[in-house]
């Protein structure tokens, strides 16, 4: 079982002919993903080769969907053009849109987020994220598929690097699905969206949630966990040593006064019954204890 992405998902790549799009299309195919084509308006009608697989390039997302029955799009489009690419996928009613692109202006993200919300037909993961992987089944994004296998842990994380570290540290147990939601101030799929899906997934037995300084997403997630999540959750909050007022790595990781600090988030999560590690390795050890006790 998995959430949002399965072995039956049919994936297209917006920006399939670019350097990043081409490289990660090859890696997604290697991970077992059913990549069925790509979109580049200037190269419509051509094909791209990946080993013995030939993928068609379409002019529009709607054309790609009608020809291939795609239900996932992964967006590898430069920041200046990303909003138009996502809007096009929303207009085509693409069920899942995974936006890898980093550096999209917040105003652009706000516009396509609001547009998707008004339409109600598309889930967005990202932007500025590693995407989503259901180990052994499918990968939509840039997460290394070789670092872990299938298992009972669900993972949701703001940080790509910490996603990879946690998957590696718990590779002997394995994951149902791992989602990197991205670290921008506005993201499509939130911690709460992922927590709700993992709670409903019978094969996810425990959940790791990785947050970071800035904003109040983790505090809101803590409230949600307290009210709605029955499965054990362990957490980690990046940024305990970050100086106030500094943006750290992610556009959304900025602390103002006592709001958004790692300590405040840790306390909120612990008050909701979440065991919070001080380091990624300690968090992984807490999850080992949780799994052993199930």
Protein backbone atom coordinates (compact mmCIF):
# COMPACT_ATOMS: atom_id res chain seq x y z
CA UNK A 1 0.00 0.00 0.00
CA UNK A 2 1.11 3.58 -0.48
CA UNK A 3 -0.20 7.12 -0.57
CA UNK A 4 -0.61 9.29 -3.68
CA UNK A 5 1.82 7.24 -5.86
CA UNK A 6 1.69 3.53 -6.76
CA UNK A 7 3.16 1.07 -9.23
CA UNK A 8 0.14 1.76 -11.44
CA UNK A 9 0.77 5.53 -11.61
CA UNK A 10 1.45 6.78 -15.13
CA UNK A 11 3.93 9.64 -15.13
CA UNK A 12 4.77 12.37 -17.61
CA UNK A 13 7.66 14.81 -17.27
CA UNK A 14 7.19 18.50 -18.05
CA UNK A 15 10.65 19.54 -19.22
CA UNK A 16 11.66 16.01 -20.25
CA UNK A 17 14.18 17.26 -22.84
CA UNK A 18 16.14 19.52 -20.44
CA UNK A 19 19.23 18.43 -18.56
CA UNK A 20 17.58 17.81 -15.19
CA UNK A 21 14.40 16.42 -16.72
CA UNK A 22 16.34 13.97 -18.87
CA UNK A 23 18.64 12.81 -16.05
CA UNK A 24 15.84 12.21 -13.60
CA UNK A 25 13.55 10.61 -16.17
CA UNK A 26 16.24 7.95 -16.54
CA UNK A 27 16.45 7.49 -12.77
CA UNK A 28 12.66 7.32 -12.39
CA UNK A 29 12.51 4.62 -15.08
CA UNK A 30 15.29 2.72 -13.31
CA UNK A 31 13.23 2.90 -10.10
CA UNK A 32 10.37 1.10 -11.84
CA UNK A 33 8.19 4.12 -12.52
CA UNK A 34 5.84 3.95 -15.47
CA UNK A 35 7.09 7.09 -17.25
CA UNK A 36 4.89 7.31 -20.35
CA UNK A 37 6.01 10.54 -22.03
CA UNK A 38 6.92 14.17 -21.65
CA UNK A 39 5.90 17.70 -22.55
CA UNK A 40 7.86 20.39 -24.37
CA UNK A 41 5.84 22.62 -26.71
CA UNK A 42 8.88 23.37 -28.87
CA UNK A 43 9.72 19.69 -29.37
CA UNK A 44 6.23 18.23 -29.78
CA UNK A 45 6.18 15.21 -32.05
CA UNK A 46 9.74 14.14 -31.26
CA UNK A 47 10.83 11.30 -28.98
CA UNK A 48 13.48 10.76 -26.33
CA UNK A 49 15.37 7.53 -25.85
CA UNK A 50 16.26 5.98 -22.51
CA UNK A 51 17.97 2.66 -23.16
CA UNK A 52 15.44 0.50 -24.98
CA UNK A 53 12.55 2.78 -23.99
CA UNK A 54 11.27 5.42 -26.40
CA UNK A 55 9.14 8.17 -24.88
CA UNK A 56 6.95 10.52 -26.95
CA UNK A 57 7.16 14.29 -26.42
CA UNK A 58 3.83 16.15 -26.54
CA UNK A 59 3.00 19.80 -27.04
CA UNK A 60 0.60 20.08 -24.10
CA UNK A 61 -0.25 18.30 -20.86
CA UNK A 62 -3.82 17.65 -21.99
CA UNK A 63 -2.57 15.98 -25.18
CA UNK A 64 -0.13 13.87 -23.18
CA UNK A 65 -2.93 12.80 -20.81
CA UNK A 66 -5.31 11.85 -23.60
CA UNK A 67 -2.63 9.86 -25.45
CA UNK A 68 -0.98 8.12 -22.48
CA UNK A 69 -3.62 8.14 -19.67
CA UNK A 70 -1.04 9.85 -17.45
CA UNK A 71 -2.19 10.69 -13.92
CA UNK A 72 1.03 12.22 -12.54
CA UNK A 73 3.19 15.03 -13.88
CA UNK A 74 6.67 15.85 -12.61
CA UNK A 75 7.69 19.45 -13.35
CA UNK A 76 11.34 20.12 -14.23
CA UNK A 77 10.78 23.59 -15.69
CA UNK A 78 12.96 26.68 -14.95
CA UNK A 79 11.54 29.06 -12.31
CA UNK A 80 10.45 31.74 -14.78
CA UNK A 81 8.23 29.28 -16.66
CA UNK A 82 7.16 27.01 -13.80
CA UNK A 83 3.90 28.83 -13.01
CA UNK A 84 2.66 28.45 -16.59
CA UNK A 85 3.65 24.77 -16.59
CA UNK A 86 1.77 24.07 -13.36
CA UNK A 87 -1.27 26.10 -14.48
CA UNK A 88 -1.36 24.06 -17.69
CA UNK A 89 -1.33 20.81 -15.70
CA UNK A 90 -4.12 22.12 -13.44
CA UNK A 91 -6.19 23.12 -16.49
CA UNK A 92 -5.76 19.57 -17.79
CA UNK A 93 -7.05 18.25 -14.41
CA UNK A 94 -3.84 16.30 -13.79
CA UNK A 95 -4.51 14.44 -10.50
CA UNK A 96 -0.97 14.75 -9.07
CA UNK A 97 1.54 17.47 -9.95
CA UNK A 98 5.02 17.17 -8.43
CA UNK A 99 6.91 20.47 -8.73
CA UNK A 100 10.65 19.92 -8.29
CA UNK A 101 11.73 23.41 -9.41
CA UNK A 102 13.56 25.55 -6.86
CA UNK A 103 13.45 29.35 -6.81
CA UNK A 104 9.87 29.89 -8.01
CA UNK A 105 8.70 33.37 -6.87
CA UNK A 106 6.32 33.06 -3.91
CA UNK A 107 3.73 35.14 -5.79
CA UNK A 108 3.75 32.58 -8.61
CA UNK A 109 3.34 29.69 -6.17
CA UNK A 110 0.51 31.52 -4.42
CA UNK A 111 -1.26 31.92 -7.77
CA UNK A 112 -1.03 28.30 -8.88
CA UNK A 113 -1.81 27.04 -5.36
CA UNK A 114 -4.99 29.15 -5.27
CA UNK A 115 -5.88 28.08 -8.81
CA UNK A 116 -5.51 24.40 -7.92
CA UNK A 117 -7.62 24.93 -4.80
CA UNK A 118 -10.36 26.61 -6.83
CA UNK A 119 -10.44 23.77 -9.37
CA UNK A 120 -10.28 20.97 -6.81
CA UNK A 121 -8.99 18.35 -9.25
CA UNK A 122 -5.19 18.45 -8.71
CA UNK A 123 -2.91 17.71 -5.78
CA UNK A 124 0.38 19.60 -5.86
CA UNK A 125 3.52 18.37 -4.11
CA UNK A 126 6.18 21.06 -3.81
CA UNK A 127 7.58 23.29 -5.15
CA UNK A 128 11.28 23.14 -4.26
CA UNK A 129 11.03 19.53 -3.16
CA UNK A 130 12.49 16.07 -3.86
CA UNK A 131 9.05 14.69 -4.72
CA UNK A 132 7.51 11.40 -3.63
CA UNK A 133 8.67 7.80 -3.62
CA UNK A 134 6.90 4.57 -2.87
CA UNK A 135 9.92 2.26 -2.56
CA UNK A 136 9.88 -0.73 -4.86
CA UNK A 137 6.96 0.71 -6.83
CA UNK A 138 7.43 4.21 -8.19
CA UNK A 139 9.35 7.47 -7.90
CA UNK A 140 8.10 10.89 -8.98
CA UNK A 141 10.96 13.29 -8.37
CA UNK A 142 14.63 13.18 -7.47
CA UNK A 143 14.81 11.03 -4.31
CA UNK A 144 17.50 8.33 -4.69
CA UNK A 145 15.55 5.10 -5.16
CA UNK A 146 18.38 2.84 -4.01
CA UNK A 147 18.71 4.01 -0.39
CA UNK A 148 15.77 2.17 1.11
CA UNK A 149 13.18 -0.51 0.53
CA UNK A 150 9.50 -1.03 1.21
CA UNK A 151 8.32 -1.17 4.80
CA UNK A 152 5.85 0.13 7.39
CA UNK A 153 7.12 3.69 7.97
CA UNK A 154 5.53 6.76 6.39
CA UNK A 155 7.78 9.82 6.03
CA UNK A 156 6.87 13.47 5.43
CA UNK A 157 9.60 16.08 5.38
CA UNK A 158 10.28 19.71 4.51
CA UNK A 159 13.92 18.93 3.75
CA UNK A 160 15.17 16.85 0.84
CA UNK A 161 18.54 16.06 2.40
CA UNK A 162 16.99 15.03 5.71
CA UNK A 163 14.47 12.87 3.81
CA UNK A 164 17.37 10.97 2.27
CA UNK A 165 19.22 10.66 5.58
CA UNK A 166 16.17 9.33 7.43
CA UNK A 167 15.43 6.83 4.66
CA UNK A 168 19.03 5.63 4.76
CA UNK A 169 19.16 5.37 8.57
CA UNK A 170 15.98 3.26 8.62
CA UNK A 171 16.66 1.35 5.39
CA UNK A 172 16.56 -2.03 7.13
CA UNK A 173 12.95 -1.36 8.22
CA UNK A 174 11.72 0.43 5.08
CA UNK A 175 9.03 2.88 4.06
CA UNK A 176 5.51 2.78 2.67
CA UNK A 177 5.85 6.20 1.04
CA UNK A 178 8.22 9.14 1.59
CA UNK A 179 7.11 12.65 0.64
CA UNK A 180 9.32 15.72 0.49
CA UNK A 181 6.82 18.58 0.67
CA UNK A 182 9.38 21.36 0.09
CA UNK A 183 10.63 24.21 2.22
CA UNK A 184 9.08 27.24 0.53
CA UNK A 185 6.66 29.51 2.44
CA UNK A 186 3.76 28.13 0.35
CA UNK A 187 3.57 24.44 -0.56
CA UNK A 188 0.81 22.38 -2.10
CA UNK A 189 0.71 19.27 0.07
CA UNK A 190 1.26 19.97 3.78
CA UNK A 191 2.41 17.90 6.73
CA UNK A 192 -1.27 17.58 7.71
CA UNK A 193 -2.28 16.29 4.26
CA UNK A 194 0.39 13.60 4.47
CA UNK A 195 -0.43 12.72 8.08
CA UNK A 196 -4.09 12.23 7.14
CA UNK A 197 -3.16 9.96 4.24
CA UNK A 198 -0.73 7.91 6.33
CA UNK A 199 -3.32 7.56 9.10
CA UNK A 200 -5.75 6.13 6.51
CA UNK A 201 -3.19 3.78 4.92
CA UNK A 202 -3.43 0.30 6.51
CA UNK A 203 0.17 -0.59 5.63
CA UNK A 204 1.72 2.47 7.30
CA UNK A 205 2.28 1.52 10.95
CA UNK A 206 4.27 4.56 12.15
CA UNK A 207 5.12 8.03 10.85
CA UNK A 208 8.26 10.18 10.80
CA UNK A 209 7.65 13.91 10.43
CA UNK A 210 10.59 16.22 9.69
CA UNK A 211 10.07 19.95 10.05
CA UNK A 212 12.30 22.98 10.30
CA UNK A 213 12.34 26.47 11.74
CA UNK A 214 10.03 29.15 10.37
CA UNK A 215 6.27 29.44 10.07
CA UNK A 216 3.79 27.46 12.13
CA UNK A 217 3.23 24.34 10.00
CA UNK A 218 4.65 22.02 12.65
CA UNK A 219 2.52 23.54 15.41
CA UNK A 220 -0.59 23.10 13.25
CA UNK A 221 0.50 19.53 12.50
CA UNK A 222 0.85 18.92 16.25
CA UNK A 223 -2.74 20.06 16.80
CA UNK A 224 -3.86 17.74 13.99
CA UNK A 225 -1.94 14.78 15.41
CA UNK A 226 -3.46 15.30 18.84
CA UNK A 227 -6.99 15.28 17.41
CA UNK A 228 -6.79 12.82 14.53
CA UNK A 229 -3.73 10.53 14.41
CA UNK A 230 -3.77 7.22 16.26
CA UNK A 231 -0.49 5.86 14.87
CA UNK A 232 2.81 6.60 16.62
CA UNK A 233 4.63 9.66 15.27
CA UNK A 234 8.27 10.60 15.80
CA UNK A 235 9.59 13.98 14.77
CA UNK A 236 12.66 16.04 14.09
CA UNK A 237 12.89 19.82 13.73
CA UNK A 238 15.91 21.19 11.86
CA UNK A 239 17.42 24.47 12.97
CA UNK A 240 18.02 24.43 16.74
CA UNK A 241 21.17 26.53 16.33
CA UNK A 242 19.83 28.96 13.73
CA UNK A 243 20.22 32.68 14.60
CA UNK A 244 17.05 34.77 14.82
CA UNK A 245 16.02 36.64 11.68
CA UNK A 246 18.19 34.60 9.31
CA UNK A 247 16.75 32.65 6.40
CA UNK A 248 18.37 29.23 6.59
CA UNK A 249 18.51 27.33 3.31
CA UNK A 250 14.80 27.26 2.56
CA UNK A 251 12.82 30.38 1.75
CA UNK A 252 10.31 29.51 4.46
CA UNK A 253 12.90 28.85 7.18
CA UNK A 254 13.01 32.18 8.96
CA UNK A 255 12.50 32.82 12.67
CA UNK A 256 10.84 35.94 14.05
CA UNK A 257 11.06 36.42 17.82
CA UNK A 258 9.83 33.27 19.59
CA UNK A 259 7.65 32.35 16.61
CA UNK A 260 8.88 29.52 14.43
CA UNK A 261 11.81 28.40 16.60
CA UNK A 262 12.86 24.78 16.71
CA UNK A 263 12.29 24.70 20.48
CA UNK A 264 8.70 25.99 20.17
CA UNK A 265 7.95 23.40 17.50
CA UNK A 266 9.54 20.60 19.55
CA UNK A 267 7.43 21.55 22.58
CA UNK A 268 4.22 21.66 20.52
CA UNK A 269 4.90 18.25 19.02
CA UNK A 270 5.82 16.67 22.36
CA UNK A 271 2.64 18.08 23.89
CA UNK A 272 0.75 16.16 21.18
CA UNK A 273 2.47 12.90 22.12
CA UNK A 274 5.14 12.98 19.40
CA UNK A 275 8.60 11.79 20.41
CA UNK A 276 11.09 14.34 19.04
CA UNK A 277 14.76 13.60 18.44
CA UNK A 278 17.51 16.20 18.86
CA UNK A 279 19.36 14.87 15.80
CA UNK A 280 18.29 12.86 12.74
CA UNK A 281 20.11 9.80 14.11
CA UNK A 282 18.38 10.09 17.48
CA UNK A 283 15.05 10.43 15.66
CA UNK A 284 15.79 7.26 13.70
CA UNK A 285 16.57 5.47 16.97
CA UNK A 286 13.25 6.62 18.43
CA UNK A 287 11.50 5.14 15.38
CA UNK A 288 13.36 1.86 15.89
CA UNK A 289 11.99 1.73 19.44
CA UNK A 290 8.48 2.48 18.16
CA UNK A 291 8.63 -0.28 15.53
CA UNK A 292 10.05 -2.77 18.06
CA UNK A 293 7.15 -2.06 20.37
CA UNK A 294 4.41 -2.56 17.75
